[in-house]
Amino acid sequence: MVLLLLSAAMVAVLIVSGSVLGHEVYVYNAIVMGLLALFVAFAALGQKTDAARVLWLTALSAVLKGVSAMLLSPENARYSSVYFGGVAIGYLLARGALMYVPRELQTTEYAGTADLHPYAITVHFTGILWMTGFTLSPTFFGDDLLLHFGAEKFAYETFFIGSAFVLNALALMRSYVKLAFAK
């Protein structure tokens, strides 16, 4: 939380100093948001057993990388709604499914809930696929647009966006395996 507050303060300072930096303020803000998305993705990957926290952190990372791309290309921000819609639907599906899994199983490593709660785990897996950008989901098309518009303005930003994308997918799949399967 401290890092988020410091980053928000730094973005506010950069916006206020926009009169000095000019149009480059968007690039600096995008870099800060991209680095923050990467940091949150690493934090999600570091979670061992809490499936709800992994979902929250990966959704936050996805939003940060979307905002980063929007800052780089404000004129194409309307296309980001496809990406944000896919992430939101995926998060709501996965989080809603976790409501049907007891909390003590959500925080147990290799809980084996696929046998105990097969429908909830199937819906959870569907939500995770939407969040990670599975083919034919809105997130898939939105992530492609984010990478395209980010590369148009500042090619190095695609490293932050792409890395956060891969780390989020790894964190979510790792969380799913530990939640659904048993030893």
Protein backbone atom coordinates (compact mmCIF):
# COMPACT_ATOMS: atom_id res chain seq x y z
CA MET A 1 0.00 0.00 0.00
CA VAL A 2 2.88 2.35 0.75
CA LEU A 3 4.32 1.74 -2.71
CA LEU A 4 0.95 2.43 -4.30
CA LEU A 5 0.59 5.70 -2.40
CA LEU A 6 4.12 6.79 -3.29
CA SER A 7 3.53 5.95 -6.93
CA ALA A 8 0.24 7.86 -6.95
CA ALA A 9 2.02 10.85 -5.39
CA MET A 10 4.77 10.63 -8.01
CA VAL A 11 2.20 10.53 -10.83
CA ALA A 12 0.43 13.56 -9.31
CA VAL A 13 3.73 15.47 -9.18
CA LEU A 14 4.43 14.55 -12.79
CA ILE A 15 0.98 15.74 -13.86
CA VAL A 16 1.41 19.04 -12.00
CA SER A 17 4.84 19.48 -13.56
CA GLY A 18 3.31 18.94 -17.00
CA SER A 19 3.83 22.59 -17.79
CA VAL A 20 7.60 22.06 -17.50
CA LEU A 21 7.79 18.63 -19.12
CA GLY A 22 5.16 19.22 -21.79
CA HIS A 23 3.89 16.18 -23.64
CA GLU A 24 6.63 13.96 -22.17
CA VAL A 25 4.73 13.84 -18.87
CA TYR A 26 2.54 11.09 -20.36
CA VAL A 27 5.58 8.98 -21.19
CA TYR A 28 6.98 9.33 -17.67
CA ASN A 29 3.61 8.52 -16.11
CA ALA A 30 3.27 5.50 -18.39
CA ILE A 31 6.70 4.26 -17.34
CA VAL A 32 5.78 4.62 -13.66
CA MET A 33 2.50 2.76 -14.20
CA GLY A 34 4.22 0.06 -16.26
CA LEU A 35 6.85 -0.51 -13.57
CA LEU A 36 4.17 -0.56 -10.91
CA ALA A 37 2.17 -3.14 -12.92
CA LEU A 38 5.30 -5.27 -13.14
CA PHE A 39 5.92 -4.94 -9.40
CA VAL A 40 2.33 -5.94 -8.56
CA ALA A 41 2.61 -8.91 -10.94
CA PHE A 42 5.73 -10.06 -9.07
CA ALA A 43 3.83 -9.66 -5.80
CA ALA A 44 1.03 -11.85 -7.18
CA LEU A 45 3.56 -14.45 -8.24
CA GLY A 46 4.98 -14.42 -4.71
CA GLN A 47 1.65 -15.41 -3.15
CA LYS A 48 1.79 -19.06 -2.20
CA THR A 49 -1.73 -20.11 -1.35
CA ASP A 50 -4.26 -17.25 -1.13
CA ALA A 51 -6.30 -17.51 -4.36
CA ALA A 52 -8.38 -14.39 -3.66
CA ARG A 53 -5.28 -12.26 -3.11
CA VAL A 54 -3.70 -13.55 -6.31
CA LEU A 55 -6.87 -12.61 -8.19
CA TRP A 56 -6.87 -9.14 -6.66
CA LEU A 57 -3.19 -8.50 -7.38
CA THR A 58 -3.35 -9.71 -10.96
CA ALA A 59 -6.45 -7.62 -11.62
CA LEU A 60 -4.67 -4.59 -10.16
CA SER A 61 -1.64 -5.28 -12.33
CA ALA A 62 -3.87 -5.62 -15.39
CA VAL A 63 -5.55 -2.28 -14.64
CA LEU A 64 -2.19 -0.58 -14.12
CA LYS A 65 -0.84 -1.82 -17.44
CA GLY A 66 -4.06 -0.71 -19.14
CA VAL A 67 -3.72 2.76 -17.63
CA SER A 68 -0.08 2.80 -18.68
CA ALA A 69 -1.04 2.15 -22.30
CA MET A 70 -3.82 4.75 -22.10
CA LEU A 71 -1.36 7.37 -20.86
CA LEU A 72 0.92 6.69 -23.81
CA SER A 73 -1.86 6.92 -26.34
CA PRO A 74 -4.76 8.99 -24.93
CA GLU A 75 -6.35 9.33 -28.36
CA ASN A 76 -6.85 5.53 -28.45
CA ALA A 77 -8.16 5.21 -24.90
CA ARG A 78 -11.62 4.22 -26.11
CA TYR A 79 -10.21 0.90 -27.33
CA SER A 80 -9.02 0.08 -23.84
CA SER A 81 -12.61 -0.50 -22.75
CA VAL A 82 -12.46 -3.86 -24.54
CA TYR A 83 -9.46 -4.84 -22.44
CA PHE A 84 -10.89 -3.55 -19.16
CA GLY A 85 -14.21 -5.25 -19.87
CA GLY A 86 -12.53 -8.61 -20.39
CA VAL A 87 -10.47 -8.29 -17.22
CA ALA A 88 -13.50 -7.19 -15.19
CA ILE A 89 -15.70 -10.05 -16.43
CA GLY A 90 -12.92 -12.57 -15.80
CA TYR A 91 -12.29 -11.21 -12.31
CA LEU A 92 -15.98 -11.27 -11.41
CA LEU A 93 -16.36 -14.83 -12.68
CA ALA A 94 -13.30 -16.10 -10.83
CA ARG A 95 -14.06 -14.20 -7.63
CA GLY A 96 -17.70 -15.20 -7.68
CA ALA A 97 -16.74 -18.85 -8.03
CA LEU A 98 -14.42 -18.57 -5.03
CA MET A 99 -17.43 -17.63 -2.92
CA TYR A 100 -18.56 -21.26 -3.23
CA VAL A 101 -15.23 -22.64 -2.03
CA PRO A 102 -14.67 -22.56 1.75
CA ARG A 103 -12.04 -20.04 2.85
CA GLU A 104 -9.88 -22.67 4.57
CA LEU A 105 -9.60 -24.54 1.25
CA GLN A 106 -8.69 -21.33 -0.59
CA THR A 107 -5.64 -20.87 1.61
CA THR A 108 -4.56 -24.53 1.70
CA GLU A 109 -1.76 -25.59 -0.59
CA TYR A 110 -2.90 -28.33 -2.98
CA ALA A 111 -6.42 -28.39 -1.54
CA GLY A 112 -7.95 -30.68 -4.17
CA THR A 113 -11.12 -28.62 -4.55
CA ALA A 114 -11.72 -29.85 -8.11
CA ASP A 115 -13.20 -33.02 -6.61
CA LEU A 116 -15.10 -31.25 -3.85
CA HIS A 117 -16.49 -28.26 -5.81
CA PRO A 118 -16.21 -29.10 -9.53
CA TYR A 119 -18.62 -26.44 -10.83
CA ALA A 120 -17.10 -23.62 -8.82
CA ILE A 121 -13.59 -24.58 -9.93
CA THR A 122 -14.70 -24.76 -13.58
CA VAL A 123 -16.19 -21.26 -13.41
CA HIS A 124 -13.07 -20.06 -11.57
CA PHE A 125 -10.89 -21.49 -14.34
CA THR A 126 -13.04 -19.78 -16.99
CA GLY A 127 -12.62 -16.45 -15.21
CA ILE A 128 -8.87 -16.96 -14.98
CA LEU A 129 -8.72 -17.70 -18.71
CA TRP A 130 -10.54 -14.46 -19.45
CA MET A 131 -8.21 -12.50 -17.18
CA THR A 132 -5.10 -13.97 -18.79
CA GLY A 133 -6.24 -13.18 -22.32
CA PHE A 134 -7.29 -16.57 -23.60
CA THR A 135 -7.99 -16.57 -27.32
CA LEU A 136 -11.37 -15.14 -28.35
CA SER A 137 -11.89 -13.36 -25.04
CA PRO A 138 -12.16 -9.55 -25.01
CA THR A 139 -8.96 -9.43 -22.97
CA PHE A 140 -7.08 -11.13 -25.81
CA PHE A 141 -8.10 -8.47 -28.32
CA GLY A 142 -7.66 -5.66 -25.80
CA ASP A 143 -4.16 -6.79 -24.85
CA ASP A 144 -3.20 -6.85 -28.51
CA LEU A 145 -4.45 -3.28 -28.85
CA LEU A 146 -2.55 -2.20 -25.72
CA LEU A 147 0.70 -3.63 -27.07
CA HIS A 148 0.11 -2.03 -30.46
CA PHE A 149 -0.65 1.44 -29.17
CA GLY A 150 2.12 1.24 -26.58
CA ALA A 151 4.68 0.31 -29.24
CA GLU A 152 3.58 3.21 -31.44
CA LYS A 153 4.53 5.82 -28.84
CA PHE A 154 7.25 4.23 -26.69
CA ALA A 155 8.53 0.83 -27.74
CA TYR A 156 10.13 0.02 -24.39
CA GLU A 157 6.75 0.20 -22.68
CA THR A 158 5.80 -3.03 -24.44
CA PHE A 159 8.39 -4.77 -22.25
CA PHE A 160 6.53 -3.71 -19.10
CA ILE A 161 3.12 -4.56 -20.56
CA GLY A 162 4.25 -7.91 -21.97
CA SER A 163 6.17 -8.92 -18.86
CA ALA A 164 3.25 -8.10 -16.59
CA PHE A 165 0.98 -10.06 -18.93
CA VAL A 166 3.16 -13.19 -18.68
CA LEU A 167 3.71 -12.89 -14.91
CA ASN A 168 -0.03 -12.43 -14.29
CA ALA A 169 -0.80 -15.54 -16.32
CA LEU A 170 1.82 -17.55 -14.41
CA ALA A 171 0.53 -16.35 -11.05
CA LEU A 172 -3.09 -17.15 -11.91
CA MET A 173 -2.34 -20.60 -13.30
CA ARG A 174 -0.12 -21.45 -10.34
CA SER A 175 -2.88 -20.36 -7.97
CA TYR A 176 -5.42 -22.46 -9.88
CA VAL A 177 -3.25 -25.57 -9.74
CA LYS A 178 -2.71 -25.19 -6.00
CA LEU A 179 -6.41 -24.63 -5.44
CA ALA A 180 -7.86 -27.30 -7.72
CA PHE A 181 -5.47 -30.25 -7.49
CA ALA A 182 -4.35 -32.41 -4.59
CA LYS A 183 -0.96 -33.93 -3.84
